[in-house]
Every structure is written in structure tokens, then in C-alpha cells.
Protein backbone atom coordinates (compact mmCIF):
# COMPACT_ATOMS: atom_id res chain seq x y z
CA MET A 1 0.00 0.00 0.00
CA ILE A 2 2.82 2.38 0.88
CA ASN A 3 4.55 1.61 -2.42
CA GLU A 4 1.35 2.28 -4.36
CA ILE A 5 0.85 5.62 -2.62
CA GLN A 6 4.45 6.60 -3.34
CA GLN A 7 3.97 5.61 -6.98
CA GLY A 8 0.84 7.77 -7.08
CA ILE A 9 2.80 10.73 -5.75
CA ALA A 10 5.49 10.12 -8.41
CA ASN A 11 2.78 10.01 -11.07
CA LYS A 12 1.44 13.36 -9.79
CA VAL A 13 -2.09 12.05 -9.18
CA SER A 14 -4.59 14.64 -7.96
CA ALA A 15 -5.88 12.66 -4.99
CA ILE A 16 -5.36 9.49 -3.00
CA VAL A 17 -8.01 7.59 -1.03
CA THR A 18 -6.79 4.79 1.22
CA PHE A 19 -7.33 2.81 4.40
CA PRO A 20 -4.34 3.52 6.67
CA VAL A 21 -3.21 0.51 8.65
CA SER A 22 -1.07 2.44 11.13
CA ALA A 23 -0.20 6.07 11.79
CA GLN A 24 3.51 5.31 12.08
CA GLN A 25 3.65 3.95 8.53
CA PHE A 26 1.13 6.15 6.77
CA ASP A 27 1.46 9.64 8.25
CA PRO A 28 4.92 10.28 6.72
CA VAL A 29 3.79 9.29 3.22
CA PHE A 30 0.60 11.36 3.63
CA ALA A 31 2.76 14.38 4.49
CA GLN A 32 4.86 13.64 1.40
CA ALA A 33 1.74 13.51 -0.76
CA ARG A 34 0.33 16.78 0.51
CA LYS A 35 3.68 18.51 0.08
CA ALA A 36 3.54 17.39 -3.56
CA GLY A 37 0.07 18.92 -3.95
CA THR A 38 -1.90 15.68 -3.78
CA TYR A 39 -5.10 15.61 -1.74
CA VAL A 40 -5.41 12.72 0.71
CA ALA A 41 -8.58 11.13 2.08
CA THR A 42 -8.61 8.23 4.50
CA VAL A 43 -11.35 5.70 5.16
CA GLU A 44 -11.72 4.59 8.79
CA GLY A 45 -8.41 6.33 9.43
CA GLY A 46 -8.96 8.04 12.74
CA GLN A 47 -5.49 7.07 13.94
CA THR A 48 -3.66 9.21 11.33
CA LYS A 49 -3.45 13.02 11.19
CA ASN A 50 -1.78 14.08 7.94
CA GLN A 51 -4.73 13.48 5.60
CA ASN A 52 -7.00 16.26 4.36
CA VAL A 53 -10.10 14.42 5.49
CA ASN A 54 -11.15 11.16 7.09
CA ALA A 55 -14.49 9.52 6.35
CA GLY A 56 -16.16 6.50 7.84
CA THR A 57 -17.49 5.17 11.10
CA SER A 58 -16.86 7.41 14.08
CA PHE A 59 -15.53 5.10 16.79
CA GLU A 60 -16.80 7.55 19.38
CA GLN A 61 -20.33 7.29 18.00
CA PHE A 62 -19.82 3.52 17.65
CA GLY A 63 -19.08 3.22 21.37
CA GLN A 64 -21.94 5.51 22.39
CA LEU A 65 -24.46 3.65 20.24
CA ALA A 66 -23.19 0.28 21.47
CA ALA A 67 -23.80 1.35 25.06
CA LYS A 68 -27.31 2.54 24.22
CA THR A 69 -28.06 -0.74 22.44
CA VAL A 70 -26.74 -2.91 25.26
CA ALA A 71 -28.75 -0.87 27.77
CA SER A 72 -31.90 -1.60 25.77
CA LYS A 73 -31.62 -5.30 26.61
CA PRO A 74 -33.85 -6.18 29.57
CA GLY A 75 -32.06 -6.91 32.81
CA HIS A 76 -28.71 -5.86 34.21
CA GLN A 77 -25.84 -6.11 31.74
CA TYR A 78 -22.45 -7.08 33.13
CA VAL A 79 -20.15 -6.11 30.26
CA ALA A 80 -16.74 -7.45 29.25
CA PHE A 81 -14.71 -5.83 26.47
CA LEU A 82 -12.54 -7.94 24.18
CA THR A 83 -10.63 -5.74 21.70
CA GLU A 84 -7.33 -5.64 19.87
CA GLY A 85 -5.46 -3.24 22.15
CA PRO A 86 -5.53 -0.26 24.53
CA THR A 87 -4.74 2.39 21.91
CA GLY A 88 -6.13 3.82 18.68
CA PRO A 89 -9.71 3.21 17.55
CA ASP A 90 -10.14 0.38 20.08
CA ALA A 91 -9.42 2.75 22.96
CA THR A 92 -11.72 5.40 21.49
CA PHE A 93 -14.53 2.84 21.26
CA VAL A 94 -14.10 1.54 24.83
CA LYS A 95 -13.73 5.04 26.26
CA ALA A 96 -16.88 6.26 24.49
CA PHE A 97 -18.87 3.20 25.59
CA THR A 98 -17.67 3.57 29.18
CA ALA A 99 -18.57 7.26 29.31
CA ALA A 100 -22.00 6.69 27.75
CA ALA A 101 -22.71 3.73 30.06
CA LYS A 102 -22.74 6.06 33.06
CA GLN A 103 -26.21 7.21 32.06
CA TYR A 104 -27.56 3.66 31.97
CA PRO A 105 -28.00 2.17 35.46
CA ASN A 106 -28.36 -1.37 34.09
CA ILE A 107 -24.78 -1.50 32.73
CA THR A 108 -21.78 -2.54 34.82
CA ILE A 109 -18.38 -2.99 33.17
CA VAL A 110 -16.56 -5.91 34.76
CA THR A 111 -13.38 -6.48 32.72
CA THR A 112 -11.38 -5.70 29.58
CA ARG A 113 -8.96 -7.97 27.73
CA TYR A 114 -6.88 -7.57 24.54
CA ASP A 115 -5.99 -10.11 21.86
CA GLY A 116 -3.23 -8.07 20.21
CA GLY A 117 -4.85 -8.62 16.82
CA ASN A 118 -4.44 -12.39 17.13
CA VAL A 119 -8.02 -13.65 16.89
CA THR A 120 -6.88 -17.23 17.52
CA GLN A 121 -6.75 -16.14 21.17
CA SER A 122 -10.42 -15.14 21.26
CA VAL A 123 -11.78 -18.49 22.47
CA ASP A 124 -9.31 -18.81 25.34
CA LEU A 125 -9.60 -15.18 26.38
CA ALA A 126 -13.40 -15.22 26.34
CA THR A 127 -13.43 -18.47 28.31
CA GLU A 128 -11.04 -17.05 30.91
CA MET A 129 -13.16 -13.90 31.22
CA MET A 130 -16.34 -15.88 31.88
CA THR A 131 -14.58 -18.11 34.41
CA ALA A 132 -13.09 -15.15 36.29
CA ASN A 133 -16.29 -13.10 36.18
CA PRO A 134 -19.35 -15.31 36.85
CA LYS A 135 -21.74 -12.35 36.52
CA LEU A 136 -20.53 -11.56 33.00
CA ASN A 137 -23.48 -11.77 30.61
CA MET A 138 -22.55 -9.46 27.72
CA PHE A 139 -19.38 -9.45 25.65
CA VAL A 140 -18.78 -6.24 23.69
CA THR A 141 -16.22 -5.90 20.91
CA ASN A 142 -15.51 -3.53 18.04
CA GLU A 143 -13.53 -6.27 16.30
CA GLY A 144 -15.78 -8.34 14.06
CA ALA A 145 -13.03 -10.91 13.66
CA ASP A 146 -13.43 -11.82 17.35
CA THR A 147 -17.05 -12.86 16.79
CA PRO A 148 -16.46 -16.56 15.94
CA GLY A 149 -14.13 -17.08 18.90
CA ILE A 150 -16.48 -15.49 21.41
CA ILE A 151 -19.42 -17.49 20.05
CA ALA A 152 -17.39 -20.69 20.31
CA ALA A 153 -16.38 -19.90 23.90
CA ILE A 154 -19.98 -19.26 24.94
CA LYS A 155 -21.04 -22.57 23.41
CA GLN A 156 -18.16 -24.48 25.01
CA LYS A 157 -19.00 -23.04 28.43
CA SER A 158 -22.68 -23.99 27.93
CA GLU A 159 -23.65 -20.36 28.46
CA VAL A 160 -25.97 -20.01 25.45
CA GLY A 161 -29.00 -18.04 26.57
CA LYS A 162 -27.08 -16.65 29.53
CA VAL A 163 -24.15 -14.79 27.94
CA PHE A 164 -24.59 -12.64 24.84
CA LEU A 165 -22.46 -10.69 22.37
CA THR A 166 -22.63 -7.20 20.90
CA THR A 167 -20.17 -6.98 18.03
CA ASN A 168 -19.16 -5.34 14.76
CA SER A 169 -20.18 -6.33 11.22
CA ILE A 170 -22.88 -8.44 9.63
CA TYR A 171 -20.13 -10.82 8.56
CA SER A 172 -17.87 -13.11 10.64
CA GLY A 173 -20.79 -15.24 11.77
CA SER A 174 -22.94 -12.53 13.34
CA VAL A 175 -26.19 -13.57 11.63
CA PRO A 176 -25.90 -17.30 12.45
CA GLY A 177 -24.83 -16.27 15.95
CA MET A 178 -27.96 -14.17 16.28
CA LYS A 179 -30.15 -17.03 15.08
CA ALA A 180 -28.47 -19.27 17.67
CA GLY A 181 -29.43 -16.85 20.44
CA ILE A 182 -25.86 -15.71 21.19
CA VAL A 183 -25.35 -12.44 19.28
CA TYR A 184 -27.63 -9.79 20.74
CA SER A 185 -26.66 -7.03 18.30
CA PHE A 186 -24.07 -6.06 15.73
CA LEU A 187 -23.02 -2.88 13.97
CA LEU A 188 -24.17 -2.09 10.46
CA GLN A 189 -22.38 0.55 8.41
CA ASN A 190 -23.61 2.43 5.35
CA MET A 191 -21.00 0.97 3.01
CA CYS A 192 -22.26 2.98 0.03
CA GLN A 193 -21.77 6.21 1.97
CA ILE A 194 -18.34 5.10 3.18
CA GLY A 195 -17.36 4.82 -0.49
CA THR A 196 -18.82 8.12 -1.66
CA ALA A 197 -18.09 10.35 1.34
CA PRO A 198 -14.29 10.66 0.91
CA VAL A 199 -14.67 11.34 -2.82
CA ASP A 200 -17.36 13.98 -2.25
CA ALA A 201 -15.18 15.60 0.42
CA LEU A 202 -12.13 15.73 -1.85
CA VAL A 203 -14.16 17.35 -4.62
CA LYS A 204 -15.25 20.08 -2.20
CA ILE A 205 -11.69 20.56 -0.94
CA SER A 206 -10.40 20.89 -4.50
CA LYS A 207 -12.97 23.66 -5.08
CA GLY A 208 -11.88 25.50 -1.95
CA GLN A 209 -15.05 24.65 -0.06
CA PRO A 210 -14.86 24.02 3.71
CA VAL A 211 -14.90 20.37 4.84
CA ALA A 212 -14.70 19.07 8.39
CA PRO A 213 -11.54 17.04 9.04
CA SER A 214 -13.67 14.03 9.96
CA VAL A 215 -16.86 13.02 8.14
CA PRO A 216 -18.86 10.43 10.12
CA THR A 217 -20.95 8.01 8.09
CA GLN A 218 -24.23 6.33 9.04
CA ILE A 219 -24.23 3.45 11.51
CA ALA A 220 -26.92 1.42 13.27
CA PHE A 221 -27.06 -1.62 15.50
CA ALA A 222 -29.13 -4.54 14.28
CA THR A 223 -30.98 -6.76 16.72
CA LYS A 224 -33.05 -9.80 15.86
CA GLY A 225 -36.14 -7.63 15.56
CA THR A 226 -34.60 -4.90 13.37
CA LEU A 227 -32.16 -6.76 11.11
CA THR A 228 -34.49 -7.31 8.15
CA LYS A 229 -35.68 -3.69 8.06
CA LEU A 230 -32.21 -2.19 8.42
CA THR A 231 -30.68 -4.30 5.64
CA ALA A 232 -33.57 -4.09 3.16
CA SER A 233 -31.97 -1.38 0.99
CA GLY A 234 -28.59 -3.12 0.81
CA ASP A 235 -26.69 0.02 1.85
CA MET A 236 -26.36 -1.01 5.49
CA GLN A 237 -23.99 -3.94 5.86
């Protein structure tokens, strides 16, 4: 990806749109592009700072909406976070959820663990979390890739119907997990808007029109009762 961006700069392209994997790798090349007169838009790139504009899911809104959704489940929710790490978008998500949860008396956060991006650890980590925290009844993650492992752990512990999951993405087994009574809710993103928003923003920037540095795109949490309606248009995925 870095090589392709550098080639674009060498070819004097007008604009670059990309998904930055890490700030350490991408910010220097973004600065190089802008110095050369190339506009830069990132998608889901909240961790970088040298782009003209970032478009995509706001992890702050993601966390706030996740808390609201979890609070809508009847009963007291004892929440455990399983995310990639304590920095970047993961930290933004957890911090936003934690802050929002203060307004919901039926949410208690009991623990947080990290898999370091190695989703093969998800089963063991989720199992350990349930064993150490018997009251735990709601896993929350912003990492869709952790969905299969958490589902497997809940099944192996015979906690189906007792422990639930709020996660990210319609993929990674979320729909079968919902049908099995394990996934309570999962995030849907307006993928069409995620594609058009950075392009629209760059067009405005090129015309000298003001654009906010971050353009949040539409999100919603699907539950068993709302999934069909939310996905009917095909935009929300």
C-alpha cells in the first residue's frame, strides 16, 4: 500500500483515497503527498493526522451507540470488552462506551482484555473472562473478527441463553450467531456512503469549499427484531 501511494505521488495524481493501517507507517507518506500537492482522504483512518479528510465510522459514535443498544436489553448487563489493544480506535470505542454507560443504570463494566490482533486467542480469552467473572453476561467488541471465537467460547462453556455478544459487522458469523441466540446485536455501516463520502469531500476541498476534518458516516445496530428492516436497501452492511 505504501509503495502504491508513493507511486501515485510520483505520477502526480490529484488525490489518494486509502485505508491507513497504522499512523507510524502512513502519516509520513501522507505528508509527502500533501507537500507534492496531492489531496489525501482516508477511510476509517482516525489514527492518522496528515490526511486532508477522514471519512467512515466514528468510533466515538460507535461506542456511544453500542452502550445505548446494550442498555436496551432487559435486565442488568455485566459487560466485558474484548478488543485488539488499549490504543487507537479500540481505545476510542471503549472510552466512548464507558462514558455513555454512566447514564444507563443497568450496565456494569466488569473487565477488559486484549488479543493483540491475534483472533486465535479469542476463544481462550473469552473463556477465561467468563470463568473469572461469573456475573458476565454481555461481551462487547468492536472487532468483528473476534465474533467466531467469542461465540465458540460461549457454546463451550454452555452459556448459550445466559451470555450474549454485541459486536461489529454483519459478517464473521454474526447472523448465524444471532439465530443461535448468542449475538444480541451487531453494527451495520452504510457501506455505500463510506465509499462516496471521501470522494465527495475531496471534490469540495479541491474547489476551496470548507470540509470538516472528519466526516462520520451512518451506523446502526441490528438486533433480531430490526435486522431485516435495516438491511432491506442493501446500503447497510
